[in-house]
Amino acid sequence: MFAFRLAREQTGRLEAAYNKKDSRKALQADPAFAAAFSEAKARIRKMDLRFIEEHDPLKQALLEIYVSIVLATPHNDFNTH
């Protein structure tokens, strides 16, 4: 999902569409988008990931919001999609 979002940003196709022409399957068939998607997956494979385990759902939600604000993460928009 994250790689797909990065590919959307790279290709300027930011909005989700609910039709066959702009479906996920159609985007992946587009050569420019497919290349961007492959690059995004390769980029993610090279990332150094770390995590904090928090079992309490409320504390987990608050921690995610706090960390995204402190680190100014551009991909945590908290929109309901």
PDB file of N, CA and C in Angstrom:
ATOM      1  N   MET A   1       0.826  -1.184   0.000  1.00  0.00           N
ATOM      2  CA  MET A   1       0.000   0.000   0.000  1.00  0.00           C
ATOM      3  C   MET A   1       0.878   1.260   0.000  1.00  0.00           C
ATOM      4  N   PHE A   2       1.928   1.277   0.811  1.00  0.00           N
ATOM      5  CA  PHE A   2       2.807   2.445   0.879  1.00  0.00           C
ATOM      6  C   PHE A   2       3.520   2.653  -0.451  1.00  0.00           C
ATOM      7  N   ALA A   3       4.002   1.574  -1.053  1.00  0.00           N
ATOM      8  CA  ALA A   3       4.686   1.684  -2.347  1.00  0.00           C
ATOM      9  C   ALA A   3       3.730   2.229  -3.403  1.00  0.00           C
ATOM     10  N   PHE A   4       2.500   1.806  -3.363  1.00  0.00           N
ATOM     11  CA  PHE A   4       1.508   2.285  -4.324  1.00  0.00           C
ATOM     12  C   PHE A   4       1.283   3.784  -4.131  1.00  0.00           C
ATOM     13  N   ARG A   5       1.232   4.206  -2.882  1.00  0.00           N
ATOM     14  CA  ARG A   5       1.054   5.632  -2.590  1.00  0.00           C
ATOM     15  C   ARG A   5       2.252   6.448  -3.080  1.00  0.00           C
ATOM     16  N   LEU A   6       3.456   5.938  -2.877  1.00  0.00           N
ATOM     17  CA  LEU A   6       4.652   6.630  -3.371  1.00  0.00           C
ATOM     18  C   LEU A   6       4.629   6.724  -4.893  1.00  0.00           C
ATOM     19  N   ALA A   7       4.199   5.672  -5.551  1.00  0.00           N
ATOM     20  CA  ALA A   7       4.110   5.682  -7.009  1.00  0.00           C
ATOM     21  C   ALA A   7       3.062   6.682  -7.478  1.00  0.00           C
ATOM     22  N   ARG A   8       1.961   6.780  -6.771  1.00  0.00           N
ATOM     23  CA  ARG A   8       0.939   7.776  -7.104  1.00  0.00           C
ATOM     24  C   ARG A   8       1.531   9.188  -7.022  1.00  0.00           C
ATOM     25  N   GLU A   9       2.292   9.450  -5.970  1.00  0.00           N
ATOM     26  CA  GLU A   9       2.907  10.770  -5.816  1.00  0.00           C
ATOM     27  C   GLU A   9       3.888  11.049  -6.951  1.00  0.00           C
ATOM     28  N   GLN A  10       4.708  10.070  -7.272  1.00  0.00           N
ATOM     29  CA  GLN A  10       5.725  10.256  -8.309  1.00  0.00           C
ATOM     30  C   GLN A  10       5.098  10.519  -9.676  1.00  0.00           C
ATOM     31  N   THR A  11       3.983   9.878  -9.950  1.00  0.00           N
ATOM     32  CA  THR A  11       3.353  10.019 -11.268  1.00  0.00           C
ATOM     33  C   THR A  11       2.270  11.096 -11.307  1.00  0.00           C
ATOM     34  N   GLY A  12       1.985  11.699 -10.161  1.00  0.00           N
ATOM     35  CA  GLY A  12       0.968  12.743 -10.127  1.00  0.00           C
ATOM     36  C   GLY A  12      -0.448  12.231 -10.184  1.00  0.00           C
ATOM     37  N   ARG A  13      -0.626  10.951  -9.963  1.00  0.00           N
ATOM     38  CA  ARG A  13      -1.974  10.357  -9.990  1.00  0.00           C
ATOM     39  C   ARG A  13      -2.402  10.116  -8.548  1.00  0.00           C
ATOM     40  N   LEU A  14      -2.685  11.205  -7.853  1.00  0.00           N
ATOM     41  CA  LEU A  14      -2.884  11.189  -6.412  1.00  0.00           C
ATOM     42  C   LEU A  14      -4.247  10.692  -5.956  1.00  0.00           C
ATOM     43  N   GLU A  15      -5.254  10.958  -6.728  1.00  0.00           N
ATOM     44  CA  GLU A  15      -6.611  10.629  -6.289  1.00  0.00           C
ATOM     45  C   GLU A  15      -7.019   9.219  -6.678  1.00  0.00           C
ATOM     46  N   ALA A  16      -7.620   8.535  -5.731  1.00  0.00           N
ATOM     47  CA  ALA A  16      -8.176   7.221  -6.028  1.00  0.00           C
ATOM     48  C   ALA A  16      -9.406   7.399  -6.912  1.00  0.00           C
ATOM     49  N   ALA A  17      -9.549   6.528  -7.873  1.00  0.00           N
ATOM     50  CA  ALA A  17     -10.704   6.584  -8.773  1.00  0.00           C
ATOM     51  C   ALA A  17     -11.408   5.234  -8.722  1.00  0.00           C
ATOM     52  N   TYR A  18     -12.688   5.280  -8.838  1.00  0.00           N
ATOM     53  CA  TYR A  18     -13.465   4.050  -8.739  1.00  0.00           C
ATOM     54  C   TYR A  18     -14.091   3.707 -10.082  1.00  0.00           C
ATOM     55  N   ASN A  19     -13.221   3.595 -11.085  1.00  0.00           N
ATOM     56  CA  ASN A  19     -13.658   3.176 -12.407  1.00  0.00           C
ATOM     57  C   ASN A  19     -12.556   2.304 -13.002  1.00  0.00           C
ATOM     58  N   LYS A  20     -12.895   1.552 -14.035  1.00  0.00           N
ATOM     59  CA  LYS A  20     -11.927   0.610 -14.622  1.00  0.00           C
ATOM     60  C   LYS A  20     -10.722   1.310 -15.225  1.00  0.00           C
ATOM     61  N   LYS A  21     -10.924   2.480 -15.811  1.00  0.00           N
ATOM     62  CA  LYS A  21      -9.845   3.204 -16.488  1.00  0.00           C
ATOM     63  C   LYS A  21      -8.729   3.600 -15.515  1.00  0.00           C
ATOM     64  N   ASP A  22      -9.081   3.980 -14.301  1.00  0.00           N
ATOM     65  CA  ASP A  22      -8.106   4.436 -13.317  1.00  0.00           C
ATOM     66  C   ASP A  22      -7.997   3.498 -12.117  1.00  0.00           C
ATOM     67  N   SER A  23      -8.395   2.262 -12.301  1.00  0.00           N
ATOM     68  CA  SER A  23      -8.330   1.296 -11.204  1.00  0.00           C
ATOM     69  C   SER A  23      -6.880   0.946 -10.874  1.00  0.00           C
ATOM     70  N   ARG A  24      -6.678   0.298  -9.780  1.00  0.00           N
ATOM     71  CA  ARG A  24      -5.339  -0.125  -9.386  1.00  0.00           C
ATOM     72  C   ARG A  24      -4.734  -1.035 -10.468  1.00  0.00           C
ATOM     73  N   LYS A  25      -5.539  -1.926 -10.988  1.00  0.00           N
ATOM     74  CA  LYS A  25      -5.071  -2.842 -12.032  1.00  0.00           C
ATOM     75  C   LYS A  25      -4.648  -2.068 -13.286  1.00  0.00           C
ATOM     76  N   ALA A  26      -5.443  -1.079 -13.668  1.00  0.00           N
ATOM     77  CA  ALA A  26      -5.119  -0.280 -14.842  1.00  0.00           C
ATOM     78  C   ALA A  26      -3.860   0.545 -14.620  1.00  0.00           C
ATOM     79  N   LEU A  27      -3.700   1.101 -13.422  1.00  0.00           N
ATOM     80  CA  LEU A  27      -2.496   1.874 -13.114  1.00  0.00           C
ATOM     81  C   LEU A  27      -1.254   0.993 -13.216  1.00  0.00           C
ATOM     82  N   GLN A  28      -1.336  -0.214 -12.704  1.00  0.00           N
ATOM     83  CA  GLN A  28      -0.177  -1.115 -12.737  1.00  0.00           C
ATOM     84  C   GLN A  28       0.149  -1.566 -14.157  1.00  0.00           C
ATOM     85  N   ALA A  29      -0.818  -1.491 -15.055  1.00  0.00           N
ATOM     86  CA  ALA A  29      -0.571  -1.840 -16.460  1.00  0.00           C
ATOM     87  C   ALA A  29       0.063  -0.678 -17.223  1.00  0.00           C
ATOM     88  N   ASP A  30      -0.038   0.531 -16.677  1.00  0.00           N
ATOM     89  CA  ASP A  30       0.564   1.712 -17.305  1.00  0.00           C
ATOM     90  C   ASP A  30       2.084   1.660 -17.092  1.00  0.00           C
ATOM     91  N   PRO A  31       2.878   1.711 -18.169  1.00  0.00           N
ATOM     92  CA  PRO A  31       4.333   1.565 -18.050  1.00  0.00           C
ATOM     93  C   PRO A  31       4.992   2.581 -17.104  1.00  0.00           C
ATOM     94  N   ALA A  32       4.570   3.835 -17.163  1.00  0.00           N
ATOM     95  CA  ALA A  32       5.166   4.859 -16.296  1.00  0.00           C
ATOM     96  C   ALA A  32       4.836   4.582 -14.831  1.00  0.00           C
ATOM     97  N   PHE A  33       3.586   4.220 -14.579  1.00  0.00           N
ATOM     98  CA  PHE A  33       3.191   3.932 -13.199  1.00  0.00           C
ATOM     99  C   PHE A  33       3.867   2.658 -12.706  1.00  0.00           C
ATOM    100  N   ALA A  34       3.931   1.636 -13.552  1.00  0.00           N
ATOM    101  CA  ALA A  34       4.573   0.373 -13.170  1.00  0.00           C
ATOM    102  C   ALA A  34       6.038   0.597 -12.811  1.00  0.00           C
ATOM    103  N   ALA A  35       6.719   1.453 -13.553  1.00  0.00           N
ATOM    104  CA  ALA A  35       8.121   1.755 -13.255  1.00  0.00           C
ATOM    105  C   ALA A  35       8.234   2.475 -11.911  1.00  0.00           C
ATOM    106  N   ALA A  36       7.359   3.443 -11.680  1.00  0.00           N
ATOM    107  CA  ALA A  36       7.367   4.175 -10.411  1.00  0.00           C
ATOM    108  C   ALA A  36       7.049   3.243  -9.247  1.00  0.00           C
ATOM    109  N   PHE A  37       6.134   2.313  -9.458  1.00  0.00           N
ATOM    110  CA  PHE A  37       5.754   1.351  -8.422  1.00  0.00           C
ATOM    111  C   PHE A  37       6.934   0.430  -8.105  1.00  0.00           C
ATOM    112  N   SER A  38       7.628  -0.043  -9.119  1.00  0.00           N
ATOM    113  CA  SER A  38       8.811  -0.892  -8.909  1.00  0.00           C
ATOM    114  C   SER A  38       9.903  -0.144  -8.155  1.00  0.00           C
ATOM    115  N   GLU A  39      10.124   1.120  -8.520  1.00  0.00           N
ATOM    116  CA  GLU A  39      11.116   1.935  -7.823  1.00  0.00           C
ATOM    117  C   GLU A  39      10.736   2.134  -6.363  1.00  0.00           C
ATOM    118  N   ALA A  40       9.464   2.365  -6.109  1.00  0.00           N
ATOM    119  CA  ALA A  40       8.992   2.566  -4.740  1.00  0.00           C
ATOM    120  C   ALA A  40       9.183   1.298  -3.906  1.00  0.00           C
ATOM    121  N   LYS A  41       8.883   0.148  -4.478  1.00  0.00           N
ATOM    122  CA  LYS A  41       9.085  -1.111  -3.751  1.00  0.00           C
ATOM    123  C   LYS A  41      10.561  -1.336  -3.452  1.00  0.00           C
ATOM    124  N   ALA A  42      11.429  -1.022  -4.399  1.00  0.00           N
ATOM    125  CA  ALA A  42      12.870  -1.164  -4.179  1.00  0.00           C
ATOM    126  C   ALA A  42      13.335  -0.203  -3.079  1.00  0.00           C
ATOM    127  N   ARG A  43      12.807   1.006  -3.106  1.00  0.00           N
ATOM    128  CA  ARG A  43      13.149   1.992  -2.076  1.00  0.00           C
ATOM    129  C   ARG A  43      12.751   1.502  -0.689  1.00  0.00           C
ATOM    130  N   ILE A  44      11.559   0.930  -0.579  1.00  0.00           N
ATOM    131  CA  ILE A  44      11.070   0.437   0.712  1.00  0.00           C
ATOM    132  C   ILE A  44      11.916  -0.737   1.197  1.00  0.00           C
ATOM    133  N   ARG A  45      12.327  -1.619   0.281  1.00  0.00           N
ATOM    134  CA  ARG A  45      13.165  -2.761   0.677  1.00  0.00           C
ATOM    135  C   ARG A  45      14.482  -2.317   1.300  1.00  0.00           C
ATOM    136  N   LYS A  46      14.971  -1.141   0.911  1.00  0.00           N
ATOM    137  CA  LYS A  46      16.240  -0.628   1.431  1.00  0.00           C
ATOM    138  C   LYS A  46      16.083   0.129   2.751  1.00  0.00           C
ATOM    139  N   MET A  47      14.860   0.386   3.180  1.00  0.00           N
ATOM    140  CA  MET A  47      14.623   1.185   4.385  1.00  0.00           C
ATOM    141  C   MET A  47      14.997   0.423   5.653  1.00  0.00           C
ATOM    142  N   ASP A  48      15.478   1.172   6.608  1.00  0.00           N
ATOM    143  CA  ASP A  48      15.766   0.645   7.936  1.00  0.00           C
ATOM    144  C   ASP A  48      14.528   0.908   8.787  1.00  0.00           C
ATOM    145  N   LEU A  49      13.796  -0.143   9.118  1.00  0.00           N
ATOM    146  CA  LEU A  49      12.542   0.008   9.848  1.00  0.00           C
ATOM    147  C   LEU A  49      12.722  -0.280  11.332  1.00  0.00           C
ATOM    148  N   ARG A  50      12.010   0.490  12.124  1.00  0.00           N
ATOM    149  CA  ARG A  50      11.977   0.274  13.572  1.00  0.00           C
ATOM    150  C   ARG A  50      10.544   0.435  14.019  1.00  0.00           C
ATOM    151  N   PHE A  51      10.207  -0.195  15.119  1.00  0.00           N
ATOM    152  CA  PHE A  51       8.839  -0.089  15.594  1.00  0.00           C
ATOM    153  C   PHE A  51       8.797  -0.110  17.109  1.00  0.00           C
ATOM    154  N   ILE A  52       7.698   0.407  17.643  1.00  0.00           N
ATOM    155  CA  ILE A  52       7.420   0.377  19.073  1.00  0.00           C
ATOM    156  C   ILE A  52       6.127  -0.401  19.231  1.00  0.00           C
ATOM    157  N   GLU A  53       6.154  -1.384  20.083  1.00  0.00           N
ATOM    158  CA  GLU A  53       4.953  -2.184  20.302  1.00  0.00           C
ATOM    159  C   GLU A  53       4.118  -1.558  21.416  1.00  0.00           C
ATOM    160  N   GLU A  54       2.871  -1.286  21.112  1.00  0.00           N
ATOM    161  CA  GLU A  54       1.930  -0.741  22.094  1.00  0.00           C
ATOM    162  C   GLU A  54       0.628  -1.513  21.955  1.00  0.00           C
ATOM    163  N   HIS A  55       0.261  -2.231  23.011  1.00  0.00           N
ATOM    164  CA  HIS A  55      -0.913  -3.110  22.953  1.00  0.00           C
ATOM    165  C   HIS A  55      -2.231  -2.367  23.169  1.00  0.00           C
ATOM    166  N   ASP A  56      -2.215  -1.316  23.938  1.00  0.00           N
ATOM    167  CA  ASP A  56      -3.444  -0.579  24.223  1.00  0.00           C
ATOM    168  C   ASP A  56      -3.855   0.228  22.980  1.00  0.00           C
ATOM    169  N   PRO A  57      -5.050  -0.010  22.439  1.00  0.00           N
ATOM    170  CA  PRO A  57      -5.460   0.657  21.198  1.00  0.00           C
ATOM    171  C   PRO A  57      -5.495   2.189  21.299  1.00  0.00           C
ATOM    172  N   LEU A  58      -5.933   2.710  22.427  1.00  0.00           N
ATOM    173  CA  LEU A  58      -5.991   4.159  22.593  1.00  0.00           C
ATOM    174  C   LEU A  58      -4.586   4.753  22.639  1.00  0.00           C
ATOM    175  N   LYS A  59      -3.711   4.143  23.436  1.00  0.00           N
ATOM    176  CA  LYS A  59      -2.331   4.618  23.512  1.00  0.00           C
ATOM    177  C   LYS A  59      -1.632   4.466  22.163  1.00  0.00           C
ATOM    178  N   GLN A  60      -1.954   3.414  21.438  1.00  0.00           N
ATOM    179  CA  GLN A  60      -1.365   3.191  20.118  1.00  0.00           C
ATOM    180  C   GLN A  60      -1.757   4.312  19.156  1.00  0.00           C
ATOM    181  N   ALA A  61      -3.025   4.678  19.150  1.00  0.00           N
ATOM    182  CA  ALA A  61      -3.499   5.755  18.280  1.00  0.00           C
ATOM    183  C   ALA A  61      -2.842   7.082  18.656  1.00  0.00           C
ATOM    184  N   LEU A  62      -2.791   7.379  19.947  1.00  0.00           N
ATOM    185  CA  LEU A  62      -2.173   8.628  20.393  1.00  0.00           C
ATOM    186  C   LEU A  62      -0.680   8.662  20.080  1.00  0.00           C
ATOM    187  N   LEU A  63      -0.014   7.535  20.255  1.00  0.00           N
ATOM    188  CA  LEU A  63       1.415   7.460  19.952  1.00  0.00           C
ATOM    189  C   LEU A  63       1.656   7.708  18.462  1.00  0.00           C
ATOM    190  N   GLU A  64       0.847   7.107  17.624  1.00  0.00           N
ATOM    191  CA  GLU A  64       1.014   7.294  16.181  1.00  0.00           C
ATOM    192  C   GLU A  64       0.833   8.763  15.792  1.00  0.00           C
ATOM    193  N   ILE A  65      -0.166   9.398  16.354  1.00  0.00           N
ATOM    194  CA  ILE A  65      -0.400  10.812  16.064  1.00  0.00           C
ATOM    195  C   ILE A  65       0.757  11.660  16.579  1.00  0.00           C
ATOM    196  N   TYR A  66       1.168  11.415  17.811  1.00  0.00           N
ATOM    197  CA  TYR A  66       2.272  12.183  18.406  1.00  0.00           C
ATOM    198  C   TYR A  66       3.555  12.045  17.580  1.00  0.00           C
ATOM    199  N   VAL A  67       3.915  10.822  17.240  1.00  0.00           N
ATOM    200  CA  VAL A  67       5.152  10.580  16.488  1.00  0.00           C
ATOM    201  C   VAL A  67       5.083  11.219  15.105  1.00  0.00           C
ATOM    202  N   SER A  68       3.934  11.127  14.454  1.00  0.00           N
ATOM    203  CA  SER A  68       3.818  11.724  13.119  1.00  0.00           C
ATOM    204  C   SER A  68       3.949  13.243  13.179  1.00  0.00           C
ATOM    205  N   ILE A  69       3.476  13.859  14.249  1.00  0.00           N
ATOM    206  CA  ILE A  69       3.610  15.307  14.403  1.00  0.00           C
ATOM    207  C   ILE A  69       5.057  15.679  14.709  1.00  0.00           C
ATOM    208  N   VAL A  70       5.673  14.995  15.657  1.00  0.00           N
ATOM    209  CA  VAL A  70       7.045  15.301  16.060  1.00  0.00           C
ATOM    210  C   VAL A  70       8.022  15.087  14.904  1.00  0.00           C
ATOM    211  N   LEU A  71       7.837  14.001  14.162  1.00  0.00           N
ATOM    212  CA  LEU A  71       8.753  13.694  13.059  1.00  0.00           C
ATOM    213  C   LEU A  71       8.334  14.354  11.746  1.00  0.00           C
ATOM    214  N   ALA A  72       7.193  15.004  11.749  1.00  0.00           N
ATOM    215  CA  ALA A  72       6.651  15.668  10.554  1.00  0.00           C
ATOM    216  C   ALA A  72       6.623  14.703   9.362  1.00  0.00           C
ATOM    217  N   THR A  73       6.066  13.529   9.584  1.00  0.00           N
ATOM    218  CA  THR A  73       5.990  12.520   8.535  1.00  0.00           C
ATOM    219  C   THR A  73       4.954  12.925   7.488  1.00  0.00           C
ATOM    220  N   PRO A  74       5.349  12.950   6.222  1.00  0.00           N
ATOM    221  CA  PRO A  74       4.430  13.420   5.186  1.00  0.00           C
ATOM    222  C   PRO A  74       3.361  12.409   4.779  1.00  0.00           C
ATOM    223  N   HIS A  75       3.504  11.153   5.160  1.00  0.00           N
ATOM    224  CA  HIS A  75       2.574  10.132   4.672  1.00  0.00           C
ATOM    225  C   HIS A  75       1.545   9.702   5.708  1.00  0.00           C
ATOM    226  N   ASN A  76       1.521  10.324   6.853  1.00  0.00           N
ATOM    227  CA  ASN A  76       0.495  10.035   7.850  1.00  0.00           C
ATOM    228  C   ASN A  76      -0.509  11.179   7.823  1.00  0.00           C
ATOM    229  N   ASP A  77      -1.525  11.061   6.992  1.00  0.00           N
ATOM    230  CA  ASP A  77      -2.504  12.130   6.895  1.00  0.00           C
ATOM    231  C   ASP A  77      -3.759  11.859   7.719  1.00  0.00           C
ATOM    232  N   PHE A  78      -3.949  10.631   8.162  1.00  0.00           N
ATOM    233  CA  PHE A  78      -5.070  10.225   9.013  1.00  0.00           C
ATOM    234  C   PHE A  78      -6.433  10.466   8.353  1.00  0.00           C
ATOM    235  N   ASN A  79      -6.439  10.595   7.044  1.00  0.00           N
ATOM    236  CA  ASN A  79      -7.730  10.679   6.345  1.00  0.00           C
ATOM    237  C   ASN A  79      -8.366   9.298   6.339  1.00  0.00           C
ATOM    238  N   THR A  80      -9.673   9.279   6.388  1.00  0.00           N
ATOM    239  CA  THR A  80     -10.358   8.010   6.196  1.00  0.00           C
ATOM    240  C   THR A  80     -10.584   7.861   4.708  1.00  0.00           C
ATOM    241  N   HIS A  81     -10.082   6.786   4.161  1.00  0.00           N
ATOM    242  CA  HIS A  81     -10.064   6.638   2.701  1.00  0.00           C
ATOM    243  C   HIS A  81     -11.291   5.931   2.215  1.00  0.00           C
TER     244      HIS A  81
END
